Amino acid sequence: MWFNFAEMFYTEIAPAGTLDYLKDFVKTVDNIYISIDIDAIEPAFAPGTGWPEPAGILPWQMIRMLQFLKATKKVRGFDIVEVSPPKDVNKITSRLAARLLLELLK
């Protein structure tokens, strides 16, 4: 099942409550693969990407979602894409990407 979170976040999930939606979603699947496109994060926290998106997800929101998904014990794999070190400022995007991976590994 393809789950386009970025698109659904702004149109469906945020008004109704992100974690409530995820709770219902995880009941319908046995395995979860998480792919994080770093440009979905607010550019103030992740400027090092090919296409920064204004009004993006805040890091704490992403961390909370990842913590919830990890707790389901259904996550089978994950990746983070679109991190561009040459475009980064003081390595904050790279550090955020590492923090997000750490949330899933710890």
Protein backbone atom coordinates (compact mmCIF):
# COMPACT_ATOMS: atom_id res chain seq x y z
CA MET A 1 0.00 0.00 0.00
CA TRP A 2 1.46 3.36 -1.03
CA PHE A 3 1.11 6.03 1.62
CA ASN A 4 1.89 9.57 0.48
CA PHE A 5 2.18 11.19 3.89
CA ALA A 6 3.34 14.66 2.76
CA GLU A 7 0.31 15.14 0.53
CA MET A 8 -2.14 13.73 3.06
CA PHE A 9 -0.64 15.66 5.98
CA TYR A 10 -1.75 19.03 4.70
CA THR A 11 -5.06 17.97 3.21
CA GLU A 12 -6.39 15.34 5.60
CA ILE A 13 -4.28 14.47 8.60
CA ALA A 14 -3.28 17.74 10.27
CA PRO A 15 -6.81 19.06 10.85
CA ALA A 16 -8.06 15.74 12.21
CA GLY A 17 -4.93 14.90 14.19
CA THR A 18 -1.87 13.19 12.78
CA LEU A 19 -1.42 10.54 15.42
CA ASP A 20 -5.09 9.60 15.35
CA TYR A 21 -4.82 8.98 11.62
CA LEU A 22 -1.63 6.96 12.04
CA LYS A 23 -3.24 4.83 14.75
CA ASP A 24 -5.99 3.85 12.32
CA PHE A 25 -3.53 3.36 9.46
CA VAL A 26 -1.18 0.99 11.28
CA LYS A 27 -4.09 -1.29 12.14
CA THR A 28 -4.53 -1.97 8.42
CA VAL A 29 -0.96 -3.09 7.64
CA ASP A 30 1.50 -5.72 8.86
CA ASN A 31 4.70 -4.05 7.66
CA ILE A 32 5.73 -0.41 7.41
CA TYR A 33 8.52 1.10 5.30
CA ILE A 34 9.27 4.73 6.13
CA SER A 35 10.77 6.99 3.49
CA ILE A 36 11.46 10.53 4.68
CA ASP A 37 12.00 13.21 2.06
CA ILE A 38 13.94 15.81 4.05
CA ASP A 39 12.44 18.66 2.04
CA ALA A 40 9.12 17.99 3.79
CA ILE A 41 10.73 19.49 6.92
CA GLU A 42 10.44 23.24 7.50
CA PRO A 43 13.44 24.84 5.68
CA ALA A 44 14.55 26.71 8.79
CA PHE A 45 15.51 23.29 10.19
CA ALA A 46 16.53 21.58 6.93
CA PRO A 47 17.90 24.06 4.38
CA GLY A 48 20.29 21.53 2.85
CA THR A 49 18.00 20.02 0.25
CA GLY A 50 17.34 20.39 -3.44
CA TRP A 51 13.88 21.88 -3.01
CA PRO A 52 13.10 23.51 0.37
CA GLU A 53 9.35 23.67 1.05
CA PRO A 54 8.05 26.58 3.12
CA ALA A 55 5.59 25.72 5.90
CA GLY A 56 6.94 22.20 6.21
CA ILE A 57 6.64 19.70 9.04
CA LEU A 58 8.47 20.71 12.19
CA PRO A 59 11.22 18.37 13.44
CA TRP A 60 9.41 17.60 16.70
CA GLN A 61 6.32 16.59 14.73
CA MET A 62 8.35 14.19 12.60
CA ILE A 63 10.11 12.78 15.66
CA ARG A 64 6.80 12.16 17.40
CA MET A 65 5.43 10.35 14.34
CA LEU A 66 8.57 8.22 14.06
CA GLN A 67 8.43 7.32 17.75
CA PHE A 68 4.83 6.25 17.35
CA LEU A 69 5.52 4.18 14.24
CA LYS A 70 8.54 2.53 15.85
CA ALA A 71 6.45 1.58 18.89
CA THR A 72 4.10 -0.42 16.65
CA LYS A 73 6.99 -2.84 15.95
CA LYS A 74 5.83 -2.97 12.33
CA VAL A 75 8.64 -0.87 10.82
CA ARG A 76 10.71 -3.10 8.52
CA GLY A 77 12.89 -0.47 6.88
CA PHE A 78 13.45 3.22 6.37
CA ASP A 79 15.41 5.78 4.42
CA ILE A 80 15.96 9.52 4.26
CA VAL A 81 16.35 11.19 0.87
CA GLU A 82 17.12 14.63 -0.57
CA VAL A 83 19.78 15.61 1.98
CA SER A 84 22.29 17.76 0.08
CA PRO A 85 25.42 18.57 2.16
CA PRO A 86 26.71 21.16 -0.38
CA LYS A 87 23.51 23.18 0.16
CA ASP A 88 23.47 22.69 3.93
CA VAL A 89 24.10 25.48 6.45
CA ASN A 90 26.35 24.50 9.36
CA LYS A 91 25.38 20.84 8.79
CA ILE A 92 21.97 21.32 10.41
CA THR A 93 20.15 19.27 7.77
CA SER A 94 22.64 16.43 8.06
CA ARG A 95 22.39 16.52 11.83
CA LEU A 96 18.59 16.48 11.69
CA ALA A 97 18.67 13.53 9.28
CA ALA A 98 20.98 11.69 11.68
CA ARG A 99 18.64 12.48 14.58
CA LEU A 100 15.65 11.12 12.66
CA LEU A 101 17.54 7.91 11.88
CA LEU A 102 18.57 7.66 15.52
CA GLU A 103 14.92 7.80 16.58
CA LEU A 104 14.31 4.66 14.56
CA LEU A 105 17.49 2.85 15.61
CA LYS A 106 17.58 3.48 19.36
